[in-house]
Amino acid sequence: MTTLYGITNCDTVKRARAWLDEQGVAYRYHDFKKDGVPEAELDRWLDAPGWEALVNRRGTTWRRLDDPTRAAVVDRASARTVLLANPSLIKRPVVNWGPKAGVTTGFDATQWKGYAV
């Protein structure tokens, strides 16, 4: 089963959920704010697609971090620490398409068409 991870009030997550519904893709929704960040999943995401893809450096959460905290995000371990402390910093949505298909970050309808079969 496909699992979509995100934050309910995120516009990108809203668009992603609407797209999945339109495509008839069954999925489970996991809200970071209500359900927390699943640490075992986060560890897998840090490996693939990788910590660089998970850290949203464009959002307001990143800009609100102090300079030393931002400067300290340089590898998998430091990214893990800051992402657990700041779930809104995770690039959304994160979608686990299943064991064979893998995980994606962000919403890209063109890319997702390959997964939504």
Protein backbone atom coordinates (compact mmCIF):
# COMPACT_ATOMS: atom_id res chain seq x y z
CA MET A 1 0.00 0.00 0.00
CA THR A 2 1.17 3.50 -0.83
CA THR A 3 1.73 5.79 2.15
CA LEU A 4 1.78 9.57 1.82
CA TYR A 5 3.53 11.46 4.61
CA GLY A 6 3.03 15.16 5.13
CA ILE A 7 1.27 17.97 6.95
CA THR A 8 -2.44 18.45 6.38
CA ASN A 9 -2.35 22.22 5.86
CA CYS A 10 0.53 22.07 3.34
CA ASP A 11 -0.66 23.16 -0.12
CA THR A 12 1.65 20.71 -1.87
CA VAL A 13 0.31 17.85 0.23
CA LYS A 14 -3.24 18.94 -0.59
CA ARG A 15 -2.44 18.89 -4.33
CA ALA A 16 -0.74 15.51 -4.00
CA ARG A 17 -3.67 13.98 -2.15
CA ALA A 18 -6.12 15.35 -4.72
CA TRP A 19 -4.00 13.93 -7.55
CA LEU A 20 -3.84 10.49 -5.91
CA ASP A 21 -7.61 10.56 -5.43
CA GLU A 22 -8.17 11.57 -9.08
CA GLN A 23 -5.92 8.72 -10.24
CA GLY A 24 -7.73 6.23 -8.03
CA VAL A 25 -4.58 5.37 -6.09
CA ALA A 26 -5.34 3.87 -2.69
CA TYR A 27 -3.07 5.31 -0.04
CA ARG A 28 -2.70 5.76 3.68
CA TYR A 29 -2.05 9.27 4.98
CA HIS A 30 0.40 9.93 7.82
CA ASP A 31 0.36 13.45 9.30
CA PHE A 32 3.72 14.47 10.78
CA LYS A 33 2.05 16.96 13.14
CA LYS A 34 -0.50 14.50 14.54
CA ASP A 35 1.33 11.18 14.23
CA GLY A 36 4.96 12.32 14.49
CA VAL A 37 7.87 11.38 12.28
CA PRO A 38 8.29 7.60 12.12
CA GLU A 39 11.96 7.19 13.00
CA ALA A 40 12.43 3.84 11.26
CA GLU A 41 10.95 5.28 8.06
CA LEU A 42 13.05 8.43 8.39
CA ASP A 43 16.17 6.26 8.62
CA ARG A 44 15.20 4.55 5.35
CA TRP A 45 14.46 7.90 3.67
CA LEU A 46 17.82 9.25 4.75
CA ASP A 47 19.40 6.42 2.76
CA ALA A 48 17.10 6.71 -0.27
CA PRO A 49 16.19 9.24 -1.59
CA GLY A 50 18.87 10.71 0.71
CA TRP A 51 19.21 13.38 3.35
CA GLU A 52 19.77 16.16 0.80
CA ALA A 53 16.39 15.44 -0.81
CA LEU A 54 14.58 15.43 2.54
CA VAL A 55 15.77 18.75 3.94
CA ASN A 56 13.54 21.54 2.62
CA ARG A 57 15.88 24.51 2.46
CA ARG A 58 13.28 26.67 0.69
CA GLY A 59 10.63 26.78 3.40
CA THR A 60 10.00 29.12 6.29
CA THR A 61 11.03 26.50 8.84
CA TRP A 62 14.56 26.46 7.38
CA ARG A 63 14.73 30.26 7.34
CA ARG A 64 13.62 30.38 11.00
CA LEU A 65 16.46 28.14 12.13
CA ASP A 66 19.43 29.97 13.56
CA ASP A 67 22.59 30.16 11.47
CA PRO A 68 24.59 27.64 13.55
CA THR A 69 21.80 25.05 13.25
CA ARG A 70 21.54 25.51 9.48
CA ALA A 71 25.32 25.36 9.11
CA ALA A 72 25.43 22.11 11.12
CA VAL A 73 23.23 20.20 8.63
CA VAL A 74 26.03 18.63 6.64
CA ASP A 75 25.41 14.88 6.61
CA ARG A 76 22.92 12.11 7.32
CA ALA A 77 23.31 12.22 11.12
CA SER A 78 22.95 15.99 11.44
CA ALA A 79 19.99 16.00 9.04
CA ARG A 80 18.28 13.27 11.08
CA THR A 81 18.61 15.28 14.27
CA VAL A 82 17.20 18.48 12.80
CA LEU A 83 14.38 16.70 10.92
CA LEU A 84 13.21 14.91 14.07
CA ALA A 85 13.25 18.19 15.99
CA ASN A 86 11.52 20.08 13.14
CA PRO A 87 9.13 17.83 11.17
CA SER A 88 8.01 20.81 9.06
CA LEU A 89 11.53 20.83 7.63
CA ILE A 90 10.93 17.57 5.75
CA LYS A 91 10.29 18.18 2.07
CA ARG A 92 6.68 17.24 1.45
CA PRO A 93 5.11 15.04 0.62
CA VAL A 94 7.20 11.95 1.16
CA VAL A 95 5.56 9.00 -0.58
CA ASN A 96 6.43 5.38 0.01
CA TRP A 97 5.14 3.68 -3.14
CA GLY A 98 5.82 0.20 -1.82
CA PRO A 99 8.81 -2.08 -1.40
CA LYS A 100 9.58 -2.41 -5.11
CA ALA A 101 8.90 1.17 -6.21
CA GLY A 102 10.71 3.14 -3.51
CA VAL A 103 10.24 6.58 -2.00
CA THR A 104 9.84 10.03 -3.54
CA THR A 105 9.86 13.53 -2.07
CA GLY A 106 7.85 16.47 -3.33
CA PHE A 107 4.95 16.38 -5.77
CA ASP A 108 5.58 15.85 -9.48
CA ALA A 109 2.55 14.55 -11.38
CA THR A 110 4.66 13.53 -14.37
CA GLN A 111 7.03 11.48 -12.23
CA TRP A 112 4.18 10.04 -10.19
CA LYS A 113 2.37 8.66 -13.24
CA GLY A 114 4.98 5.89 -13.34
CA TYR A 115 4.09 4.87 -9.80
CA ALA A 116 0.30 5.20 -10.01
CA VAL A 117 -0.40 2.02 -11.94
